[in-house]
Amino acid sequence: MESIDVSVVKNDIEAAHRIGKSNTMAKLKKTIVRFVNRKNCYQALTKKKNLRNSSGPKIFISENLT
């Protein structure tokens, strides 16, 4: 997540799951990530507005409390 200046390493992620149908053109699927610590999640959520101005890959970040 270099485009929003948040450092995430392998040990920070508890689980990651790909969901939904893949895009036939690019073979991309949505991914859900659960962090071990809320600190990285909150950092990503507070800096997600920087993604609008980046020219990197399209990333959408949202919070789900269920």
Protein backbone atom coordinates (compact mmCIF):
# COMPACT_ATOMS: atom_id res chain seq x y z
CA MET A 1 0.00 0.00 0.00
CA GLU A 2 2.79 2.34 -0.93
CA SER A 3 0.44 4.65 -2.81
CA ILE A 4 -1.09 5.83 0.49
CA ASP A 5 2.10 5.63 2.57
CA VAL A 6 0.99 2.84 4.93
CA SER A 7 3.46 0.12 5.81
CA VAL A 8 1.88 -3.36 5.88
CA VAL A 9 3.96 -6.52 6.22
CA LYS A 10 2.91 -10.15 6.10
CA ASN A 11 2.73 -10.42 9.90
CA ASP A 12 0.19 -7.56 10.03
CA ILE A 13 -2.44 -9.56 8.10
CA GLU A 14 -4.47 -12.21 9.90
CA ALA A 15 -6.55 -13.36 6.92
CA ALA A 16 -7.10 -12.42 3.29
CA HIS A 17 -9.88 -13.76 1.06
CA ARG A 18 -10.70 -13.16 -2.58
CA ILE A 19 -14.42 -12.78 -3.24
CA GLY A 20 -16.84 -12.37 -6.09
CA LYS A 21 -16.57 -13.03 -9.77
CA SER A 22 -13.37 -12.17 -11.57
CA ASN A 23 -13.24 -9.44 -14.16
CA THR A 24 -12.90 -11.29 -17.45
CA MET A 25 -10.65 -8.63 -18.97
CA ALA A 26 -8.04 -8.33 -16.22
CA LYS A 27 -8.77 -11.44 -14.10
CA LEU A 28 -9.06 -9.28 -10.97
CA LYS A 29 -11.12 -10.16 -7.89
CA LYS A 30 -12.01 -8.14 -4.84
CA THR A 31 -10.03 -8.97 -1.72
CA ILE A 32 -11.01 -8.75 1.93
CA VAL A 33 -8.17 -8.29 4.43
CA ARG A 34 -8.38 -8.70 8.20
CA PHE A 35 -5.57 -7.03 10.12
CA VAL A 36 -4.05 -8.41 13.32
CA ASN A 37 -3.91 -4.95 14.85
CA ARG A 38 -6.40 -2.14 14.31
CA LYS A 39 -3.57 0.40 14.04
CA ASN A 40 -2.81 -0.49 10.41
CA CYS A 41 -6.49 -0.58 9.53
CA TYR A 42 -7.03 2.90 10.97
CA GLN A 43 -3.93 4.22 9.18
CA ALA A 44 -5.25 2.93 5.86
CA LEU A 45 -8.72 4.36 6.51
CA THR A 46 -7.42 7.81 7.42
CA LYS A 47 -5.15 7.99 4.36
CA LYS A 48 -7.56 6.51 1.82
CA LYS A 49 -8.37 9.96 0.42
CA ASN A 50 -4.84 10.00 -1.07
CA LEU A 51 -5.90 7.17 -3.41
CA ARG A 52 -8.09 9.52 -5.44
CA ASN A 53 -5.07 11.48 -6.62
CA SER A 54 -2.71 8.54 -7.20
CA SER A 55 -2.03 7.15 -10.65
CA GLY A 56 -1.27 3.65 -9.34
CA PRO A 57 -3.57 0.65 -9.22
CA LYS A 58 -7.24 1.21 -8.41
CA ILE A 59 -7.78 0.47 -4.72
CA PHE A 60 -11.01 0.94 -2.78
CA ILE A 61 -10.88 0.87 1.03
CA SER A 62 -13.92 0.64 3.25
CA GLU A 63 -14.67 -0.41 6.81
CA ASN A 64 -17.07 -3.19 7.75
CA LEU A 65 -17.89 -3.70 11.41
CA THR A 66 -19.86 -6.93 11.09
